[in-house]
PDB file of N, CA and C in Angstrom:
ATOM      1  N   MET A   1      10.876 -11.581  -1.190  1.00  0.00           N
ATOM      2  CA  MET A   1      10.020 -10.520  -1.716  1.00  0.00           C
ATOM      3  C   MET A   1      10.629  -9.202  -1.369  1.00  0.00           C
ATOM      4  N   GLN A   2      10.631  -8.232  -2.232  1.00  0.00           N
ATOM      5  CA  GLN A   2      11.143  -6.912  -2.008  1.00  0.00           C
ATOM      6  C   GLN A   2      10.021  -6.002  -1.648  1.00  0.00           C
ATOM      7  N   ILE A   3      10.354  -4.864  -1.030  1.00  0.00           N
ATOM      8  CA  ILE A   3       9.328  -3.878  -0.657  1.00  0.00           C
ATOM      9  C   ILE A   3       8.596  -3.341  -1.924  1.00  0.00           C
ATOM     10  N   TYR A   4       9.299  -3.122  -3.003  1.00  0.00           N
ATOM     11  CA  TYR A   4       8.657  -2.623  -4.190  1.00  0.00           C
ATOM     12  C   TYR A   4       7.685  -3.640  -4.737  1.00  0.00           C
ATOM     13  N   ASP A   5       7.925  -4.944  -4.495  1.00  0.00           N
ATOM     14  CA  ASP A   5       6.869  -5.944  -4.905  1.00  0.00           C
ATOM     15  C   ASP A   5       5.567  -5.718  -4.159  1.00  0.00           C
ATOM     16  N   LEU A   6       5.663  -5.367  -2.880  1.00  0.00           N
ATOM     17  CA  LEU A   6       4.452  -5.092  -2.109  1.00  0.00           C
ATOM     18  C   LEU A   6       3.625  -3.891  -2.655  1.00  0.00           C
ATOM     19  N   PHE A   7       4.405  -2.870  -2.957  1.00  0.00           N
ATOM     20  CA  PHE A   7       3.733  -1.635  -3.556  1.00  0.00           C
ATOM     21  C   PHE A   7       3.114  -1.971  -4.845  1.00  0.00           C
ATOM     22  N   ASN A   8       3.789  -2.724  -5.692  1.00  0.00           N
ATOM     23  CA  ASN A   8       3.228  -3.100  -6.981  1.00  0.00           C
ATOM     24  C   ASN A   8       1.999  -4.005  -6.838  1.00  0.00           C
ATOM     25  N   ILE A   9       2.042  -4.955  -5.930  1.00  0.00           N
ATOM     26  CA  ILE A   9       0.881  -5.819  -5.672  1.00  0.00           C
ATOM     27  C   ILE A   9      -0.339  -4.996  -5.164  1.00  0.00           C
ATOM     28  N   LEU A  10      -0.070  -4.119  -4.220  1.00  0.00           N
ATOM     29  CA  LEU A  10      -1.159  -3.283  -3.676  1.00  0.00           C
ATOM     30  C   LEU A  10      -1.659  -2.326  -4.819  1.00  0.00           C
ATOM     31  N   HIS A  11      -0.821  -1.735  -5.579  1.00  0.00           N
ATOM     32  CA  HIS A  11      -1.205  -0.811  -6.598  1.00  0.00           C
ATOM     33  C   HIS A  11      -2.118  -1.564  -7.633  1.00  0.00           C
ATOM     34  N   ASN A  12      -1.636  -2.716  -8.043  1.00  0.00           N
ATOM     35  CA  ASN A  12      -2.392  -3.508  -9.019  1.00  0.00           C
ATOM     36  C   ASN A  12      -3.761  -3.998  -8.421  1.00  0.00           C
ATOM     37  N   SER A  13      -3.776  -4.313  -7.112  1.00  0.00           N
ATOM     38  CA  SER A  13      -5.049  -4.735  -6.520  1.00  0.00           C
ATOM     39  C   SER A  13      -6.057  -3.566  -6.484  1.00  0.00           C
ATOM     40  N   LEU A  14      -5.555  -2.331  -6.236  1.00  0.00           N
ATOM     41  CA  LEU A  14      -6.432  -1.205  -6.218  1.00  0.00           C
ATOM     42  C   LEU A  14      -6.916  -0.903  -7.630  1.00  0.00           C
ATOM     43  N   GLU A  15      -6.106  -1.120  -8.657  1.00  0.00           N
ATOM     44  CA  GLU A  15      -6.575  -0.971 -10.024  1.00  0.00           C
ATOM     45  C   GLU A  15      -7.629  -2.028 -10.322  1.00  0.00           C
ATOM     46  N   SER A  16      -7.409  -3.273  -9.857  1.00  0.00           N
ATOM     47  CA  SER A  16      -8.441  -4.299 -10.120  1.00  0.00           C
ATOM     48  C   SER A  16      -9.692  -3.986  -9.415  1.00  0.00           C
ATOM     49  N   LYS A  17      -9.641  -3.473  -8.275  1.00  0.00           N
ATOM     50  CA  LYS A  17     -10.849  -3.041  -7.519  1.00  0.00           C
ATOM     51  C   LYS A  17     -11.587  -1.944  -8.294  1.00  0.00           C
ATOM     52  N   ASN A  18     -10.799  -1.168  -9.038  1.00  0.00           N
ATOM     53  CA  ASN A  18     -11.356  -0.084  -9.848  1.00  0.00           C
ATOM     54  C   ASN A  18     -11.690  -0.525 -11.251  1.00  0.00           C
ATOM     55  N   ASN A  19     -12.138  -1.807 -11.376  1.00  0.00           N
ATOM     56  CA  ASN A  19     -12.522  -2.411 -12.644  1.00  0.00           C
ATOM     57  C   ASN A  19     -11.454  -2.447 -13.662  1.00  0.00           C
ATOM     58  N   GLY A  20     -10.202  -2.529 -13.241  1.00  0.00           N
ATOM     59  CA  GLY A  20      -9.081  -2.624 -14.176  1.00  0.00           C
ATOM     60  C   GLY A  20      -8.616  -1.274 -14.709  1.00  0.00           C
ATOM     61  N   LYS A  21      -9.270  -0.233 -14.244  1.00  0.00           N
ATOM     62  CA  LYS A  21      -8.960   1.127 -14.714  1.00  0.00           C
ATOM     63  C   LYS A  21      -7.548   1.540 -14.089  1.00  0.00           C
ATOM     64  N   LYS A  22      -6.643   1.934 -14.946  1.00  0.00           N
ATOM     65  CA  LYS A  22      -5.290   2.330 -14.513  1.00  0.00           C
ATOM     66  C   LYS A  22      -5.352   3.485 -13.502  1.00  0.00           C
ATOM     67  N   ILE A  23      -4.439   3.442 -12.523  1.00  0.00           N
ATOM     68  CA  ILE A  23      -4.342   4.546 -11.565  1.00  0.00           C
ATOM     69  C   ILE A  23      -2.929   5.089 -11.758  1.00  0.00           C
ATOM     70  N   SER A  24      -2.771   6.342 -12.096  1.00  0.00           N
ATOM     71  CA  SER A  24      -1.432   6.932 -12.309  1.00  0.00           C
ATOM     72  C   SER A  24      -0.703   7.028 -10.965  1.00  0.00           C
ATOM     73  N   LEU A  25       0.610   7.066 -11.133  1.00  0.00           N
ATOM     74  CA  LEU A  25       1.461   7.267  -9.906  1.00  0.00           C
ATOM     75  C   LEU A  25       1.074   8.590  -9.166  1.00  0.00           C
ATOM     76  N   LYS A  26       0.774   9.639 -10.017  1.00  0.00           N
ATOM     77  CA  LYS A  26       0.434  10.949  -9.488  1.00  0.00           C
ATOM     78  C   LYS A  26      -0.842  10.865  -8.704  1.00  0.00           C
ATOM     79  N   ASP A  27      -1.861  10.185  -9.287  1.00  0.00           N
ATOM     80  CA  ASP A  27      -3.148  10.036  -8.538  1.00  0.00           C
ATOM     81  C   ASP A  27      -3.018   9.197  -7.308  1.00  0.00           C
ATOM     82  N   MET A  28      -2.244   8.100  -7.353  1.00  0.00           N
ATOM     83  CA  MET A  28      -2.103   7.271  -6.173  1.00  0.00           C
ATOM     84  C   MET A  28      -1.375   8.058  -5.080  1.00  0.00           C
ATOM     85  N   ALA A  29      -0.316   8.727  -5.479  1.00  0.00           N
ATOM     86  CA  ALA A  29       0.445   9.517  -4.447  1.00  0.00           C
ATOM     87  C   ALA A  29      -0.431  10.578  -3.836  1.00  0.00           C
ATOM     88  N   ALA A  30      -1.252  11.225  -4.637  1.00  0.00           N
ATOM     89  CA  ALA A  30      -2.127  12.260  -4.092  1.00  0.00           C
ATOM     90  C   ALA A  30      -3.136  11.639  -3.132  1.00  0.00           C
ATOM     91  N   SER A  31      -3.658  10.484  -3.448  1.00  0.00           N
ATOM     92  CA  SER A  31      -4.630   9.848  -2.575  1.00  0.00           C
ATOM     93  C   SER A  31      -3.986   9.376  -1.211  1.00  0.00           C
ATOM     94  N   LEU A  32      -2.689   9.190  -1.281  1.00  0.00           N
ATOM     95  CA  LEU A  32      -1.927   8.733  -0.066  1.00  0.00           C
ATOM     96  C   LEU A  32      -1.319   9.965   0.700  1.00  0.00           C
ATOM     97  N   GLY A  33      -1.395  11.146   0.054  1.00  0.00           N
ATOM     98  CA  GLY A  33      -0.847  12.360   0.684  1.00  0.00           C
ATOM     99  C   GLY A  33       0.622  12.381   0.722  1.00  0.00           C
ATOM    100  N   ILE A  34       1.256  11.860  -0.335  1.00  0.00           N
ATOM    101  CA  ILE A  34       2.718  11.886  -0.442  1.00  0.00           C
ATOM    102  C   ILE A  34       3.117  12.456  -1.765  1.00  0.00           C
ATOM    103  N   PRO A  35       4.370  12.891  -1.891  1.00  0.00           N
ATOM    104  CA  PRO A  35       4.796  13.385  -3.217  1.00  0.00           C
ATOM    105  C   PRO A  35       4.861  12.198  -4.254  1.00  0.00           C
ATOM    106  N   MET A  36       4.601  12.548  -5.492  1.00  0.00           N
ATOM    107  CA  MET A  36       4.595  11.529  -6.545  1.00  0.00           C
ATOM    108  C   MET A  36       5.947  10.874  -6.676  1.00  0.00           C
ATOM    109  N   ARG A  37       7.018  11.647  -6.507  1.00  0.00           N
ATOM    110  CA  ARG A  37       8.416  11.170  -6.644  1.00  0.00           C
ATOM    111  C   ARG A  37       8.644  10.088  -5.545  1.00  0.00           C
ATOM    112  N   THR A  38       8.185  10.304  -4.354  1.00  0.00           N
ATOM    113  CA  THR A  38       8.363   9.396  -3.225  1.00  0.00           C
ATOM    114  C   THR A  38       7.665   8.097  -3.597  1.00  0.00           C
ATOM    115  N   TYR A  39       6.435   8.136  -4.044  1.00  0.00           N
ATOM    116  CA  TYR A  39       5.665   6.920  -4.393  1.00  0.00           C
ATOM    117  C   TYR A  39       6.387   6.191  -5.555  1.00  0.00           C
ATOM    118  N   GLN A  40       6.809   6.948  -6.502  1.00  0.00           N
ATOM    119  CA  GLN A  40       7.524   6.353  -7.647  1.00  0.00           C
ATOM    120  C   GLN A  40       8.770   5.637  -7.192  1.00  0.00           C
ATOM    121  N   ASP A  41       9.480   6.241  -6.312  1.00  0.00           N
ATOM    122  CA  ASP A  41      10.756   5.621  -5.799  1.00  0.00           C
ATOM    123  C   ASP A  41      10.460   4.342  -5.061  1.00  0.00           C
ATOM    124  N   TRP A  42       9.356   4.330  -4.276  1.00  0.00           N
ATOM    125  CA  TRP A  42       8.954   3.125  -3.546  1.00  0.00           C
ATOM    126  C   TRP A  42       8.589   2.030  -4.532  1.00  0.00           C
ATOM    127  N   LYS A  43       7.795   2.399  -5.538  1.00  0.00           N
ATOM    128  CA  LYS A  43       7.246   1.410  -6.424  1.00  0.00           C
ATOM    129  C   LYS A  43       8.339   0.860  -7.328  1.00  0.00           C
ATOM    130  N   LEU A  44       9.385   1.641  -7.624  1.00  0.00           N
ATOM    131  CA  LEU A  44      10.476   1.131  -8.418  1.00  0.00           C
ATOM    132  C   LEU A  44      11.618   0.482  -7.611  1.00  0.00           C
ATOM    133  N   GLY A  45      11.522   0.607  -6.320  1.00  0.00           N
ATOM    134  CA  GLY A  45      12.595   0.052  -5.499  1.00  0.00           C
ATOM    135  C   GLY A  45      13.767   0.899  -5.300  1.00  0.00           C
ATOM    136  N   ARG A  46      13.665   2.206  -5.636  1.00  0.00           N
ATOM    137  CA  ARG A  46      14.799   3.081  -5.455  1.00  0.00           C
ATOM    138  C   ARG A  46      14.873   3.593  -4.004  1.00  0.00           C
ATOM    139  N   ALA A  47      13.775   3.523  -3.281  1.00  0.00           N
ATOM    140  CA  ALA A  47      13.745   3.875  -1.895  1.00  0.00           C
ATOM    141  C   ALA A  47      12.900   2.821  -1.146  1.00  0.00           C
ATOM    142  N   LYS A  48      13.228   2.583   0.065  1.00  0.00           N
ATOM    143  CA  LYS A  48      12.547   1.536   0.856  1.00  0.00           C
ATOM    144  C   LYS A  48      12.127   2.085   2.153  1.00  0.00           C
ATOM    145  N   PRO A  49      10.801   2.448   2.300  1.00  0.00           N
ATOM    146  CA  PRO A  49      10.341   2.879   3.601  1.00  0.00           C
ATOM    147  C   PRO A  49      10.459   1.786   4.611  1.00  0.00           C
ATOM    148  N   GLN A  50      11.187   1.980   5.659  1.00  0.00           N
ATOM    149  CA  GLN A  50      11.437   0.947   6.671  1.00  0.00           C
ATOM    150  C   GLN A  50      10.188   0.434   7.323  1.00  0.00           C
ATOM    151  N   ALA A  51       9.272   1.271   7.563  1.00  0.00           N
ATOM    152  CA  ALA A  51       8.020   0.816   8.279  1.00  0.00           C
ATOM    153  C   ALA A  51       7.228  -0.187   7.397  1.00  0.00           C
ATOM    154  N   ALA A  52       7.269  -0.043   6.114  1.00  0.00           N
ATOM    155  CA  ALA A  52       6.454  -0.904   5.230  1.00  0.00           C
ATOM    156  C   ALA A  52       6.798  -2.374   5.418  1.00  0.00           C
ATOM    157  N   SER A  53       8.051  -2.721   5.498  1.00  0.00           N
ATOM    158  CA  SER A  53       8.404  -4.152   5.681  1.00  0.00           C
ATOM    159  C   SER A  53       7.963  -4.653   7.035  1.00  0.00           C
ATOM    160  N   ILE A  54       8.111  -3.839   8.063  1.00  0.00           N
ATOM    161  CA  ILE A  54       7.691  -4.277   9.380  1.00  0.00           C
ATOM    162  C   ILE A  54       6.203  -4.460   9.488  1.00  0.00           C
ATOM    163  N   VAL A  55       5.385  -3.512   8.873  1.00  0.00           N
ATOM    164  CA  VAL A  55       3.944  -3.641   8.898  1.00  0.00           C
ATOM    165  C   VAL A  55       3.533  -4.926   8.141  1.00  0.00           C
ATOM    166  N   MET A  56       4.174  -5.210   7.007  1.00  0.00           N
ATOM    167  CA  MET A  56       3.812  -6.403   6.255  1.00  0.00           C
ATOM    168  C   MET A  56       4.171  -7.693   7.082  1.00  0.00           C
ATOM    169  N   LYS A  57       5.319  -7.694   7.726  1.00  0.00           N
ATOM    170  CA  LYS A  57       5.663  -8.832   8.577  1.00  0.00           C
ATOM    171  C   LYS A  57       4.628  -9.038   9.692  1.00  0.00           C
ATOM    172  N   MET A  58       4.224  -7.933  10.296  1.00  0.00           N
ATOM    173  CA  MET A  58       3.236  -8.011  11.376  1.00  0.00           C
ATOM    174  C   MET A  58       1.912  -8.545  10.836  1.00  0.00           C
ATOM    175  N   LEU A  59       1.472  -8.001   9.683  1.00  0.00           N
ATOM    176  CA  LEU A  59       0.210  -8.513   9.104  1.00  0.00           C
ATOM    177  C   LEU A  59       0.339 -10.003   8.691  1.00  0.00           C
ATOM    178  N   GLY A  60       1.500 -10.395   8.312  1.00  0.00           N
ATOM    179  CA  GLY A  60       1.723 -11.780   7.891  1.00  0.00           C
ATOM    180  C   GLY A  60       1.594 -12.773   9.072  1.00  0.00           C
ATOM    181  N   LYS A  61       1.690 -12.252  10.276  1.00  0.00           N
ATOM    182  CA  LYS A  61       1.592 -13.095  11.437  1.00  0.00           C
ATOM    183  C   LYS A  61       0.110 -13.292  11.875  1.00  0.00           C
ATOM    184  N   LEU A  62      -0.821 -12.583  11.166  1.00  0.00           N
ATOM    185  CA  LEU A  62      -2.223 -12.602  11.543  1.00  0.00           C
ATOM    186  C   LEU A  62      -2.966 -13.538  10.616  1.00  0.00           C
ATOM    187  N   ASP A  63      -4.116 -14.090  11.119  1.00  0.00           N
ATOM    188  CA  ASP A  63      -5.041 -14.880  10.254  1.00  0.00           C
ATOM    189  C   ASP A  63      -5.741 -13.921   9.388  1.00  0.00           C
ATOM    190  N   ASP A  64      -6.381 -14.446   8.376  1.00  0.00           N
ATOM    191  CA  ASP A  64      -7.093 -13.599   7.363  1.00  0.00           C
ATOM    192  C   ASP A  64      -8.124 -12.696   8.002  1.00  0.00           C
ATOM    193  N   ASP A  65      -8.981 -13.260   8.887  1.00  0.00           N
ATOM    194  CA  ASP A  65      -9.980 -12.458   9.516  1.00  0.00           C
ATOM    195  C   ASP A  65      -9.397 -11.375  10.408  1.00  0.00           C
ATOM    196  N   GLU A  66      -8.282 -11.687  11.078  1.00  0.00           N
ATOM    197  CA  GLU A  66      -7.607 -10.711  11.926  1.00  0.00           C
ATOM    198  C   GLU A  66      -7.030  -9.588  11.090  1.00  0.00           C
ATOM    199  N   ILE A  67      -6.509  -9.926   9.904  1.00  0.00           N
ATOM    200  CA  ILE A  67      -5.955  -8.914   8.986  1.00  0.00           C
ATOM    201  C   ILE A  67      -7.070  -7.891   8.622  1.00  0.00           C
ATOM    202  N   ILE A  68      -8.222  -8.445   8.259  1.00  0.00           N
ATOM    203  CA  ILE A  68      -9.376  -7.667   7.859  1.00  0.00           C
ATOM    204  C   ILE A  68      -9.781  -6.700   8.995  1.00  0.00           C
ATOM    205  N   ARG A  69      -9.875  -7.255  10.205  1.00  0.00           N
ATOM    206  CA  ARG A  69     -10.276  -6.413  11.339  1.00  0.00           C
ATOM    207  C   ARG A  69      -9.218  -5.285  11.567  1.00  0.00           C
ATOM    208  N   ALA A  70      -7.975  -5.641  11.544  1.00  0.00           N
ATOM    209  CA  ALA A  70      -6.888  -4.680  11.739  1.00  0.00           C
ATOM    210  C   ALA A  70      -6.935  -3.589  10.716  1.00  0.00           C
ATOM    211  N   VAL A  71      -7.083  -3.920   9.463  1.00  0.00           N
ATOM    212  CA  VAL A  71      -7.074  -2.974   8.384  1.00  0.00           C
ATOM    213  C   VAL A  71      -8.290  -2.079   8.457  1.00  0.00           C
ATOM    214  N   ARG A  72      -9.427  -2.633   8.862  1.00  0.00           N
ATOM    215  CA  ARG A  72     -10.637  -1.810   9.023  1.00  0.00           C
ATOM    216  C   ARG A  72     -10.457  -0.798  10.167  1.00  0.00           C
ATOM    217  N   LYS A  73      -9.806  -1.236  11.298  1.00  0.00           N
ATOM    218  CA  LYS A  73      -9.532  -0.288  12.392  1.00  0.00           C
ATOM    219  C   LYS A  73      -8.589   0.831  11.956  1.00  0.00           C
ATOM    220  N   ILE A  74      -7.601   0.429  11.195  1.00  0.00           N
ATOM    221  CA  ILE A  74      -6.639   1.438  10.659  1.00  0.00           C
ATOM    222  C   ILE A  74      -7.325   2.425   9.815  1.00  0.00           C
ATOM    223  N   ASN A  75      -8.219   1.917   8.884  1.00  0.00           N
ATOM    224  CA  ASN A  75      -8.927   2.824   8.010  1.00  0.00           C
ATOM    225  C   ASN A  75      -9.855   3.725   8.777  1.00  0.00           C
ATOM    226  N   LYS A  76     -10.494   3.194   9.840  1.00  0.00           N
ATOM    227  CA  LYS A  76     -11.386   4.038  10.641  1.00  0.00           C
ATOM    228  C   LYS A  76     -10.624   5.160  11.317  1.00  0.00           C
ATOM    229  N   LEU A  77      -9.472   4.850  11.873  1.00  0.00           N
ATOM    230  CA  LEU A  77      -8.645   5.859  12.513  1.00  0.00           C
ATOM    231  C   LEU A  77      -8.133   6.855  11.485  1.00  0.00           C
ATOM    232  N   HIS A  78      -7.850   6.402  10.322  1.00  0.00           N
ATOM    233  CA  HIS A  78      -7.367   7.310   9.317  1.00  0.00           C
ATOM    234  C   HIS A  78      -8.428   8.312   8.864  1.00  0.00           C
ATOM    235  N   GLU A  79      -9.715   7.906   8.871  1.00  0.00           N
ATOM    236  CA  GLU A  79     -10.803   8.750   8.490  1.00  0.00           C
ATOM    237  C   GLU A  79     -11.102   9.860   9.495  1.00  0.00           C
ATOM    238  N   GLU A  80     -10.703   9.595  10.721  1.00  0.00           N
ATOM    239  CA  GLU A  80     -11.059  10.595  11.812  1.00  0.00           C
ATOM    240  C   GLU A  80     -10.257  11.879  11.725  1.00  0.00           C
TER     241      GLU A  80
END
């Protein structure tokens, strides 16, 4: 699996959560606080953020309930 596969899976999952409503690259990038070109490059595989693969490998070592707890903690810290 490539890094861009992860971004595409997550992008599609967020669209599904949004009742199948498409989310533009511009809107997704804005919600993440990054330039649209950066997000586009990640999604198309033209650039590979190093941390993304490490984070996914770490999450992959956790059980499902541990992943949920970790992501909720991350989200809580991000909101502060």
